[in-house]
């Protein structure tokens, strides 16, 4: 079965420990609903740098990555349907880029 990257953009950092627990609960419920399809839960990303031929930019680009998860799905449409359940998508604070991992 094909594997897909869920690359997260956006989202917000919880303001309080209680808010953090609530958000983590939402993510764990989403992962639980996907079950064995979650191959690597990944996690949040720190500050990114963009490396190009012209040098290194400290700003992470126009739409910096905020995290990553690896899932298994029948096809990209099925993976996109899974991504719709992401807490960041549901609350409107971020988006999920879904890309197939091409086996070489």
PDB file of N, CA and C in Angstrom:
ATOM      1  N   UNK A   1       0.854  -1.177   0.000  1.00  0.00           N
ATOM      2  CA  UNK A   1       0.000   0.000   0.000  1.00  0.00           C
ATOM      3  C   UNK A   1       0.900   1.240   0.000  1.00  0.00           C
ATOM      4  N   UNK A   2       0.528   2.277  -0.749  1.00  0.00           N
ATOM      5  CA  UNK A   2       1.345   3.492  -0.821  1.00  0.00           C
ATOM      6  C   UNK A   2       1.434   4.229   0.520  1.00  0.00           C
ATOM      7  N   UNK A   3       2.548   4.938   0.679  1.00  0.00           N
ATOM      8  CA  UNK A   3       2.762   5.763   1.867  1.00  0.00           C
ATOM      9  C   UNK A   3       2.679   7.230   1.453  1.00  0.00           C
ATOM     10  N   UNK A   4       2.187   8.041   2.400  1.00  0.00           N
ATOM     11  CA  UNK A   4       2.008   9.472   2.145  1.00  0.00           C
ATOM     12  C   UNK A   4       2.571  10.289   3.291  1.00  0.00           C
ATOM     13  N   UNK A   5       3.115  11.440   2.935  1.00  0.00           N
ATOM     14  CA  UNK A   5       3.559  12.419   3.929  1.00  0.00           C
ATOM     15  C   UNK A   5       2.416  13.384   4.172  1.00  0.00           C
ATOM     16  N   UNK A   6       2.128  13.634   5.418  1.00  0.00           N
ATOM     17  CA  UNK A   6       1.274  14.750   5.796  1.00  0.00           C
ATOM     18  C   UNK A   6       2.237  15.823   6.279  1.00  0.00           C
ATOM     19  N   UNK A   7       2.374  16.882   5.521  1.00  0.00           N
ATOM     20  CA  UNK A   7       3.259  17.977   5.887  1.00  0.00           C
ATOM     21  C   UNK A   7       2.369  19.120   6.376  1.00  0.00           C
ATOM     22  N   UNK A   8       2.554  19.481   7.634  1.00  0.00           N
ATOM     23  CA  UNK A   8       1.693  20.479   8.261  1.00  0.00           C
ATOM     24  C   UNK A   8       2.251  21.876   8.081  1.00  0.00           C
ATOM     25  N   UNK A   9       1.339  22.807   7.859  1.00  0.00           N
ATOM     26  CA  UNK A   9       1.674  24.230   7.743  1.00  0.00           C
ATOM     27  C   UNK A   9       0.717  24.989   8.649  1.00  0.00           C
ATOM     28  N   UNK A  10       1.264  25.875   9.460  1.00  0.00           N
ATOM     29  CA  UNK A  10       0.420  26.692  10.333  1.00  0.00           C
ATOM     30  C   UNK A  10       0.188  26.028  11.662  1.00  0.00           C
ATOM     31  N   UNK A  11      -0.968  26.303  12.217  1.00  0.00           N
ATOM     32  CA  UNK A  11      -1.294  25.831  13.559  1.00  0.00           C
ATOM     33  C   UNK A  11      -0.900  26.885  14.578  1.00  0.00           C
ATOM     34  N   UNK A  12      -1.303  26.668  15.799  1.00  0.00           N
ATOM     35  CA  UNK A  12      -0.967  27.605  16.870  1.00  0.00           C
ATOM     36  C   UNK A  12      -0.403  26.845  18.056  1.00  0.00           C
ATOM     37  N   UNK A  13       0.447  27.501  18.801  1.00  0.00           N
ATOM     38  CA  UNK A  13       1.027  26.899  19.997  1.00  0.00           C
ATOM     39  C   UNK A  13       0.077  27.171  21.165  1.00  0.00           C
ATOM     40  N   UNK A  14      -0.233  26.135  21.950  1.00  0.00           N
ATOM     41  CA  UNK A  14      -1.138  26.331  23.089  1.00  0.00           C
ATOM     42  C   UNK A  14      -0.586  27.360  24.079  1.00  0.00           C
ATOM     43  N   UNK A  15      -1.478  28.155  24.653  1.00  0.00           N
ATOM     44  CA  UNK A  15      -1.088  29.208  25.596  1.00  0.00           C
ATOM     45  C   UNK A  15      -0.902  28.705  27.018  1.00  0.00           C
ATOM     46  N   UNK A  16      -1.585  27.612  27.365  1.00  0.00           N
ATOM     47  CA  UNK A  16      -1.525  27.101  28.737  1.00  0.00           C
ATOM     48  C   UNK A  16      -1.299  25.590  28.710  1.00  0.00           C
ATOM     49  N   UNK A  17      -0.847  25.014  29.826  1.00  0.00           N
ATOM     50  CA  UNK A  17      -0.718  23.554  29.881  1.00  0.00           C
ATOM     51  C   UNK A  17      -2.057  22.840  29.650  1.00  0.00           C
ATOM     52  N   UNK A  18      -3.141  23.417  30.132  1.00  0.00           N
ATOM     53  CA  UNK A  18      -4.459  22.827  29.946  1.00  0.00           C
ATOM     54  C   UNK A  18      -4.837  22.810  28.459  1.00  0.00           C
ATOM     55  N   UNK A  19      -4.568  23.924  27.806  1.00  0.00           N
ATOM     56  CA  UNK A  19      -4.820  24.011  26.362  1.00  0.00           C
ATOM     57  C   UNK A  19      -3.953  22.988  25.629  1.00  0.00           C
ATOM     58  N   UNK A  20      -2.702  22.835  26.058  1.00  0.00           N
ATOM     59  CA  UNK A  20      -1.798  21.856  25.464  1.00  0.00           C
ATOM     60  C   UNK A  20      -2.336  20.440  25.598  1.00  0.00           C
ATOM     61  N   UNK A  21      -2.878  20.108  26.755  1.00  0.00           N
ATOM     62  CA  UNK A  21      -3.463  18.778  26.971  1.00  0.00           C
ATOM     63  C   UNK A  21      -4.678  18.562  26.073  1.00  0.00           C
ATOM     64  N   UNK A  22      -5.483  19.592  25.927  1.00  0.00           N
ATOM     65  CA  UNK A  22      -6.669  19.502  25.073  1.00  0.00           C
ATOM     66  C   UNK A  22      -6.255  19.246  23.627  1.00  0.00           C
ATOM     67  N   UNK A  23      -5.293  20.033  23.143  1.00  0.00           N
ATOM     68  CA  UNK A  23      -4.822  19.900  21.765  1.00  0.00           C
ATOM     69  C   UNK A  23      -4.195  18.521  21.549  1.00  0.00           C
ATOM     70  N   UNK A  24      -3.354  18.075  22.486  1.00  0.00           N
ATOM     71  CA  UNK A  24      -2.735  16.762  22.361  1.00  0.00           C
ATOM     72  C   UNK A  24      -3.789  15.668  22.338  1.00  0.00           C
ATOM     73  N   UNK A  25      -4.843  15.820  23.125  1.00  0.00           N
ATOM     74  CA  UNK A  25      -5.939  14.856  23.120  1.00  0.00           C
ATOM     75  C   UNK A  25      -6.617  14.779  21.764  1.00  0.00           C
ATOM     76  N   UNK A  26      -6.800  15.946  21.116  1.00  0.00           N
ATOM     77  CA  UNK A  26      -7.418  15.980  19.791  1.00  0.00           C
ATOM     78  C   UNK A  26      -6.543  15.263  18.769  1.00  0.00           C
ATOM     79  N   UNK A  27      -5.226  15.510  18.836  1.00  0.00           N
ATOM     80  CA  UNK A  27      -4.304  14.844  17.912  1.00  0.00           C
ATOM     81  C   UNK A  27      -4.284  13.336  18.151  1.00  0.00           C
ATOM     82  N   UNK A  28      -4.252  12.923  19.408  1.00  0.00           N
ATOM     83  CA  UNK A  28      -4.209  11.498  19.710  1.00  0.00           C
ATOM     84  C   UNK A  28      -5.520  10.811  19.288  1.00  0.00           C
ATOM     85  N   UNK A  29      -6.641  11.497  19.424  1.00  0.00           N
ATOM     86  CA  UNK A  29      -7.924  10.940  18.973  1.00  0.00           C
ATOM     87  C   UNK A  29      -7.920  10.775  17.457  1.00  0.00           C
ATOM     88  N   UNK A  30      -7.370  11.758  16.747  1.00  0.00           N
ATOM     89  CA  UNK A  30      -7.290  11.677  15.287  1.00  0.00           C
ATOM     90  C   UNK A  30      -6.383  10.520  14.878  1.00  0.00           C
ATOM     91  N   UNK A  31      -5.212  10.429  15.502  1.00  0.00           N
ATOM     92  CA  UNK A  31      -4.303   9.312  15.208  1.00  0.00           C
ATOM     93  C   UNK A  31      -4.987   7.989  15.520  1.00  0.00           C
ATOM     94  N   UNK A  32      -5.705   7.915  16.635  1.00  0.00           N
ATOM     95  CA  UNK A  32      -6.409   6.698  17.013  1.00  0.00           C
ATOM     96  C   UNK A  32      -7.448   6.306  15.982  1.00  0.00           C
ATOM     97  N   UNK A  33      -8.150   7.287  15.437  1.00  0.00           N
ATOM     98  CA  UNK A  33      -9.167   7.016  14.424  1.00  0.00           C
ATOM     99  C   UNK A  33      -8.543   6.461  13.139  1.00  0.00           C
ATOM    100  N   UNK A  34      -7.311   6.865  12.841  1.00  0.00           N
ATOM    101  CA  UNK A  34      -6.624   6.363  11.645  1.00  0.00           C
ATOM    102  C   UNK A  34      -5.984   5.003  11.907  1.00  0.00           C
ATOM    103  N   UNK A  35      -5.782   4.657  13.175  1.00  0.00           N
ATOM    104  CA  UNK A  35      -5.264   3.343  13.549  1.00  0.00           C
ATOM    105  C   UNK A  35      -3.920   3.001  12.936  1.00  0.00           C
ATOM    106  N   UNK A  36      -3.834   1.782  12.388  1.00  0.00           N
ATOM    107  CA  UNK A  36      -2.578   1.257  11.840  1.00  0.00           C
ATOM    108  C   UNK A  36      -2.107   2.006  10.600  1.00  0.00           C
ATOM    109  N   UNK A  37      -2.952   2.862  10.027  1.00  0.00           N
ATOM    110  CA  UNK A  37      -2.535   3.646   8.860  1.00  0.00           C
ATOM    111  C   UNK A  37      -1.434   4.643   9.221  1.00  0.00           C
ATOM    112  N   UNK A  38      -1.338   5.019  10.506  1.00  0.00           N
ATOM    113  CA  UNK A  38      -0.280   5.939  10.945  1.00  0.00           C
ATOM    114  C   UNK A  38       0.995   5.118  11.120  1.00  0.00           C
ATOM    115  N   UNK A  39       1.933   5.294  10.199  1.00  0.00           N
ATOM    116  CA  UNK A  39       3.189   4.551  10.247  1.00  0.00           C
ATOM    117  C   UNK A  39       4.223   5.243  11.112  1.00  0.00           C
ATOM    118  N   UNK A  40       4.210   6.571  11.095  1.00  0.00           N
ATOM    119  CA  UNK A  40       5.132   7.372  11.905  1.00  0.00           C
ATOM    120  C   UNK A  40       4.400   8.647  12.277  1.00  0.00           C
ATOM    121  N   UNK A  41       4.080   8.792  13.559  1.00  0.00           N
ATOM    122  CA  UNK A  41       3.352   9.967  14.028  1.00  0.00           C
ATOM    123  C   UNK A  41       4.128  11.256  13.874  1.00  0.00           C
ATOM    124  N   UNK A  42       5.433  11.160  13.611  1.00  0.00           N
ATOM    125  CA  UNK A  42       6.235  12.361  13.411  1.00  0.00           C
ATOM    126  C   UNK A  42       6.119  13.286  14.592  1.00  0.00           C
ATOM    127  N   UNK A  43       5.908  14.545  14.321  1.00  0.00           N
ATOM    128  CA  UNK A  43       5.765  15.520  15.382  1.00  0.00           C
ATOM    129  C   UNK A  43       5.913  16.926  14.861  1.00  0.00           C
ATOM    130  N   UNK A  44       5.859  17.886  15.778  1.00  0.00           N
ATOM    131  CA  UNK A  44       6.007  19.282  15.385  1.00  0.00           C
ATOM    132  C   UNK A  44       7.424  19.565  14.911  1.00  0.00           C
ATOM    133  N   UNK A  45       7.554  20.568  14.083  1.00  0.00           N
ATOM    134  CA  UNK A  45       8.864  20.988  13.577  1.00  0.00           C
ATOM    135  C   UNK A  45       9.273  22.298  14.240  1.00  0.00           C
ATOM    136  N   UNK A  46      10.555  22.433  14.473  1.00  0.00           N
ATOM    137  CA  UNK A  46      11.098  23.684  14.990  1.00  0.00           C
ATOM    138  C   UNK A  46      11.337  24.662  13.851  1.00  0.00           C
ATOM    139  N   UNK A  47      12.001  25.749  14.170  1.00  0.00           N
ATOM    140  CA  UNK A  47      12.325  26.773  13.186  1.00  0.00           C
ATOM    141  C   UNK A  47      13.081  26.149  12.019  1.00  0.00           C
ATOM    142  N   UNK A  48      12.629  26.415  10.812  1.00  0.00           N
ATOM    143  CA  UNK A  48      13.290  25.860   9.636  1.00  0.00           C
ATOM    144  C   UNK A  48      14.102  26.922   8.906  1.00  0.00           C
ATOM    145  N   UNK A  49      15.052  26.453   8.143  1.00  0.00           N
ATOM    146  CA  UNK A  49      15.853  27.295   7.265  1.00  0.00           C
ATOM    147  C   UNK A  49      15.670  26.770   5.856  1.00  0.00           C
ATOM    148  N   UNK A  50      15.740  27.642   4.894  1.00  0.00           N
ATOM    149  CA  UNK A  50      15.591  27.250   3.505  1.00  0.00           C
ATOM    150  C   UNK A  50      16.947  27.371   2.815  1.00  0.00           C
ATOM    151  N   UNK A  51      17.423  26.257   2.277  1.00  0.00           N
ATOM    152  CA  UNK A  51      18.722  26.222   1.606  1.00  0.00           C
ATOM    153  C   UNK A  51      18.492  26.227   0.103  1.00  0.00           C
ATOM    154  N   UNK A  52      19.111  27.164  -0.569  1.00  0.00           N
ATOM    155  CA  UNK A  52      19.023  27.245  -2.029  1.00  0.00           C
ATOM    156  C   UNK A  52      20.399  27.598  -2.580  1.00  0.00           C
ATOM    157  N   UNK A  53      20.493  27.644  -3.884  1.00  0.00           N
ATOM    158  CA  UNK A  53      21.761  27.972  -4.529  1.00  0.00           C
ATOM    159  C   UNK A  53      22.269  29.347  -4.095  1.00  0.00           C
ATOM    160  N   UNK A  54      21.366  30.250  -3.760  1.00  0.00           N
ATOM    161  CA  UNK A  54      21.769  31.596  -3.367  1.00  0.00           C
ATOM    162  C   UNK A  54      22.127  31.724  -1.889  1.00  0.00           C
ATOM    163  N   UNK A  55      21.957  30.651  -1.116  1.00  0.00           N
ATOM    164  CA  UNK A  55      22.342  30.714   0.292  1.00  0.00           C
ATOM    165  C   UNK A  55      21.322  30.075   1.209  1.00  0.00           C
ATOM    166  N   UNK A  56      21.363  30.488   2.480  1.00  0.00           N
ATOM    167  CA  UNK A  56      20.479  29.949   3.501  1.00  0.00           C
ATOM    168  C   UNK A  56      19.633  31.085   4.070  1.00  0.00           C
ATOM    169  N   UNK A  57      18.314  30.896   4.015  1.00  0.00           N
ATOM    170  CA  UNK A  57      17.382  31.880   4.572  1.00  0.00           C
ATOM    171  C   UNK A  57      16.870  31.345   5.905  1.00  0.00           C
ATOM    172  N   UNK A  58      16.827  32.203   6.912  1.00  0.00           N
ATOM    173  CA  UNK A  58      16.409  31.808   8.253  1.00  0.00           C
ATOM    174  C   UNK A  58      14.899  31.838   8.474  1.00  0.00           C
ATOM    175  N   UNK A  59      14.122  32.207   7.470  1.00  0.00           N
ATOM    176  CA  UNK A  59      12.695  32.445   7.684  1.00  0.00           C
ATOM    177  C   UNK A  59      11.792  31.247   7.410  1.00  0.00           C
ATOM    178  N   UNK A  60      12.336  30.138   6.950  1.00  0.00           N
ATOM    179  CA  UNK A  60      11.511  28.967   6.664  1.00  0.00           C
ATOM    180  C   UNK A  60      10.670  29.079   5.411  1.00  0.00           C
ATOM    181  N   UNK A  61      10.841  30.116   4.630  1.00  0.00           N
ATOM    182  CA  UNK A  61      10.098  30.267   3.386  1.00  0.00           C
ATOM    183  C   UNK A  61       8.735  30.906   3.581  1.00  0.00           C
ATOM    184  N   UNK A  62       7.981  30.937   2.506  1.00  0.00           N
ATOM    185  CA  UNK A  62       6.682  31.605   2.508  1.00  0.00           C
ATOM    186  C   UNK A  62       5.642  30.875   3.350  1.00  0.00           C
ATOM    187  N   UNK A  63       5.758  29.564   3.463  1.00  0.00           N
ATOM    188  CA  UNK A  63       4.778  28.771   4.203  1.00  0.00           C
ATOM    189  C   UNK A  63       5.525  27.694   4.988  1.00  0.00           C
ATOM    190  N   UNK A  64       6.164  28.071   6.099  1.00  0.00           N
ATOM    191  CA  UNK A  64       7.033  27.131   6.810  1.00  0.00           C
ATOM    192  C   UNK A  64       6.320  25.866   7.282  1.00  0.00           C
ATOM    193  N   UNK A  65       7.069  24.795   7.296  1.00  0.00           N
ATOM    194  CA  UNK A  65       6.575  23.508   7.774  1.00  0.00           C
ATOM    195  C   UNK A  65       6.441  23.570   9.293  1.00  0.00           C
ATOM    196  N   UNK A  66       5.332  23.041   9.818  1.00  0.00           N
ATOM    197  CA  UNK A  66       5.165  23.014  11.268  1.00  0.00           C
ATOM    198  C   UNK A  66       5.141  21.589  11.829  1.00  0.00           C
ATOM    199  N   UNK A  67       5.195  20.578  10.948  1.00  0.00           N
ATOM    200  CA  UNK A  67       5.240  19.199  11.420  1.00  0.00           C
ATOM    201  C   UNK A  67       5.089  18.213  10.287  1.00  0.00           C
ATOM    202  N   UNK A  68       5.153  16.924  10.633  1.00  0.00           N
ATOM    203  CA  UNK A  68       5.127  15.860   9.630  1.00  0.00           C
ATOM    204  C   UNK A  68       4.574  14.576  10.238  1.00  0.00           C
ATOM    205  N   UNK A  69       3.817  13.822   9.446  1.00  0.00           N
ATOM    206  CA  UNK A  69       3.342  12.490   9.802  1.00  0.00           C
ATOM    207  C   UNK A  69       3.416  11.631   8.549  1.00  0.00           C
ATOM    208  N   UNK A  70       3.708  10.333   8.711  1.00  0.00           N
ATOM    209  CA  UNK A  70       3.715   9.392   7.592  1.00  0.00           C
ATOM    210  C   UNK A  70       2.554   8.418   7.790  1.00  0.00           C
ATOM    211  N   UNK A  71       1.724   8.277   6.737  1.00  0.00           N
ATOM    212  CA  UNK A  71       0.577   7.364   6.795  1.00  0.00           C
ATOM    213  C   UNK A  71       0.600   6.425   5.595  1.00  0.00           C
ATOM    214  N   UNK A  72      -0.216   5.412   5.683  1.00  0.00           N
ATOM    215  CA  UNK A  72      -0.422   4.469   4.588  1.00  0.00           C
ATOM    216  C   UNK A  72      -1.882   4.584   4.176  1.00  0.00           C
ATOM    217  N   UNK A  73      -2.131   4.644   2.872  1.00  0.00           N
ATOM    218  CA  UNK A  73      -3.508   4.755   2.377  1.00  0.00           C
ATOM    219  C   UNK A  73      -3.608   4.098   1.010  1.00  0.00           C
ATOM    220  N   UNK A  74      -4.803   3.723   0.618  1.00  0.00           N
ATOM    221  CA  UNK A  74      -5.030   3.058  -0.660  1.00  0.00           C
ATOM    222  C   UNK A  74      -4.621   3.935  -1.835  1.00  0.00           C
ATOM    223  N   UNK A  75      -4.886   5.234  -1.730  1.00  0.00           N
ATOM    224  CA  UNK A  75      -4.519   6.173  -2.792  1.00  0.00           C
ATOM    225  C   UNK A  75      -4.511   7.587  -2.207  1.00  0.00           C
ATOM    226  N   UNK A  76      -4.156   8.569  -3.036  1.00  0.00           N
ATOM    227  CA  UNK A  76      -4.037   9.935  -2.529  1.00  0.00           C
ATOM    228  C   UNK A  76      -5.381  10.503  -2.092  1.00  0.00           C
ATOM    229  N   UNK A  77      -6.445  10.136  -2.773  1.00  0.00           N
ATOM    230  CA  UNK A  77      -7.766  10.605  -2.344  1.00  0.00           C
ATOM    231  C   UNK A  77      -8.088  10.110  -0.939  1.00  0.00           C
ATOM    232  N   UNK A  78      -7.762   8.844  -0.659  1.00  0.00           N
ATOM    233  CA  UNK A  78      -8.004   8.291   0.679  1.00  0.00           C
ATOM    234  C   UNK A  78      -7.130   8.999   1.708  1.00  0.00           C
ATOM    235  N   UNK A  79      -5.881   9.296   1.345  1.00  0.00           N
ATOM    236  CA  UNK A  79      -4.991  10.011   2.263  1.00  0.00           C
ATOM    237  C   UNK A  79      -5.517  11.420   2.524  1.00  0.00           C
ATOM    238  N   UNK A  80      -6.021  12.083   1.493  1.00  0.00           N
ATOM    239  CA  UNK A  80      -6.586  13.430   1.672  1.00  0.00           C
ATOM    240  C   UNK A  80      -7.813  13.384   2.576  1.00  0.00           C
ATOM    241  N   UNK A  81      -8.616  12.357   2.436  1.00  0.00           N
ATOM    242  CA  UNK A  81      -9.794  12.214   3.299  1.00  0.00           C
ATOM    243  C   UNK A  81      -9.351  12.050   4.753  1.00  0.00           C
ATOM    244  N   UNK A  82      -8.279  11.278   4.976  1.00  0.00           N
ATOM    245  CA  UNK A  82      -7.746  11.127   6.327  1.00  0.00           C
ATOM    246  C   UNK A  82      -7.266  12.484   6.854  1.00  0.00           C
ATOM    247  N   UNK A  83      -6.599  13.254   6.008  1.00  0.00           N
ATOM    248  CA  UNK A  83      -6.042  14.548   6.417  1.00  0.00           C
ATOM    249  C   UNK A  83      -7.128  15.543   6.815  1.00  0.00           C
ATOM    250  N   UNK A  84      -8.327  15.383   6.287  1.00  0.00           N
ATOM    251  CA  UNK A  84      -9.434  16.285   6.644  1.00  0.00           C
ATOM    252  C   UNK A  84      -9.749  16.249   8.136  1.00  0.00           C
ATOM    253  N   UNK A  85      -9.400  15.142   8.795  1.00  0.00           N
ATOM    254  CA  UNK A  85      -9.657  15.015  10.226  1.00  0.00           C
ATOM    255  C   UNK A  85      -8.611  15.667  11.106  1.00  0.00           C
ATOM    256  N   UNK A  86      -7.564  16.217  10.516  1.00  0.00           N
ATOM    257  CA  UNK A  86      -6.490  16.853  11.290  1.00  0.00           C
ATOM    258  C   UNK A  86      -7.052  17.994  12.137  1.00  0.00           C
ATOM    259  N   UNK A  87      -6.682  18.041  13.414  1.00  0.00           N
ATOM    260  CA  UNK A  87      -7.183  19.117  14.269  1.00  0.00           C
ATOM    261  C   UNK A  87      -6.911  20.528  13.724  1.00  0.00           C
ATOM    262  N   UNK A  88      -5.759  20.738  13.076  1.00  0.00           N
ATOM    263  CA  UNK A  88      -5.465  22.069  12.518  1.00  0.00           C
ATOM    264  C   UNK A  88      -6.403  22.406  11.369  1.00  0.00           C
ATOM    265  N   UNK A  89      -6.771  21.410  10.586  1.00  0.00           N
ATOM    266  CA  UNK A  89      -7.705  21.628   9.479  1.00  0.00           C
ATOM    267  C   UNK A  89      -9.088  21.918  10.046  1.00  0.00           C
ATOM    268  N   UNK A  90      -9.494  21.130  11.031  1.00  0.00           N
ATOM    269  CA  UNK A  90     -10.832  21.285  11.608  1.00  0.00           C
ATOM    270  C   UNK A  90     -11.027  22.632  12.288  1.00  0.00           C
ATOM    271  N   UNK A  91      -9.961  23.149  12.969  1.00  0.00           N
ATOM    272  CA  UNK A  91     -10.136  24.444  13.650  1.00  0.00           C
ATOM    273  C   UNK A  91      -9.732  25.633  12.770  1.00  0.00           C
ATOM    274  N   UNK A  92      -9.251  25.349  11.541  1.00  0.00           N
ATOM    275  CA  UNK A  92      -8.916  26.416  10.599  1.00  0.00           C
ATOM    276  C   UNK A  92      -7.583  27.095  10.843  1.00  0.00           C
ATOM    277  N   UNK A  93      -6.760  26.565  11.758  1.00  0.00           N
ATOM    278  CA  UNK A  93      -5.496  27.233  12.071  1.00  0.00           C
ATOM    279  C   UNK A  93      -4.338  26.813  11.173  1.00  0.00           C
ATOM    280  N   UNK A  94      -4.549  25.798  10.321  1.00  0.00           N
ATOM    281  CA  UNK A  94      -3.457  25.333   9.471  1.00  0.00           C
ATOM    282  C   UNK A  94      -3.957  24.472   8.337  1.00  0.00           C
ATOM    283  N   UNK A  95      -3.006  23.904   7.605  1.00  0.00           N
ATOM    284  CA  UNK A  95      -3.331  23.059   6.464  1.00  0.00           C
ATOM    285  C   UNK A  95      -2.407  21.849   6.447  1.00  0.00           C
ATOM    286  N   UNK A  96      -2.790  20.847   5.660  1.00  0.00           N
ATOM    287  CA  UNK A  96      -1.996  19.629   5.513  1.00  0.00           C
ATOM    288  C   UNK A  96      -1.714  19.425   4.030  1.00  0.00           C
ATOM    289  N   UNK A  97      -0.439  19.370   3.701  1.00  0.00           N
ATOM    290  CA  UNK A  97      -0.015  19.032   2.352  1.00  0.00           C
ATOM    291  C   UNK A  97       0.122  17.515   2.306  1.00  0.00           C
ATOM    292  N   UNK A  98      -0.487  16.866   1.328  1.00  0.00           N
ATOM    293  CA  UNK A  98      -0.462  15.401   1.227  1.00  0.00           C
ATOM    294  C   UNK A  98       0.309  15.017  -0.029  1.00  0.00           C
ATOM    295  N   UNK A  99       1.427  14.300   0.172  1.00  0.00           N
ATOM    296  CA  UNK A  99       2.259  13.891  -0.965  1.00  0.00           C
ATOM    297  C   UNK A  99       2.627  12.427  -0.833  1.00  0.00           C
ATOM    298  N   UNK A 100       2.538  11.696  -1.943  1.00  0.00           N
ATOM    299  CA  UNK A 100       2.933  10.289  -1.934  1.00  0.00           C
ATOM    300  C   UNK A 100       4.447  10.187  -1.822  1.00  0.00           C
ATOM    301  N   UNK A 101       4.882   9.211  -1.045  1.00  0.00           N
ATOM    302  CA  UNK A 101       6.306   8.902  -0.954  1.00  0.00           C
ATOM    303  C   UNK A 101       6.578   7.885  -2.058  1.00  0.00           C
ATOM    304  N   UNK A 102       7.309   8.288  -3.060  1.00  0.00           N
ATOM    305  CA  UNK A 102       7.592   7.438  -4.210  1.00  0.00           C
ATOM    306  C   UNK A 102       8.678   6.440  -3.854  1.00  0.00           C
ATOM    307  N   UNK A 103       8.380   5.163  -4.022  1.00  0.00           N
ATOM    308  CA  UNK A 103       9.360   4.112  -3.737  1.00  0.00           C
ATOM    309  C   UNK A 103      10.306   4.004  -4.918  1.00  0.00           C
ATOM    310  N   UNK A 104      11.571   4.068  -4.627  1.00  0.00           N
ATOM    311  CA  UNK A 104      12.602   4.003  -5.678  1.00  0.00           C
ATOM    312  C   UNK A 104      13.210   2.618  -5.721  1.00  0.00           C
TER     313      UNK A 104
END
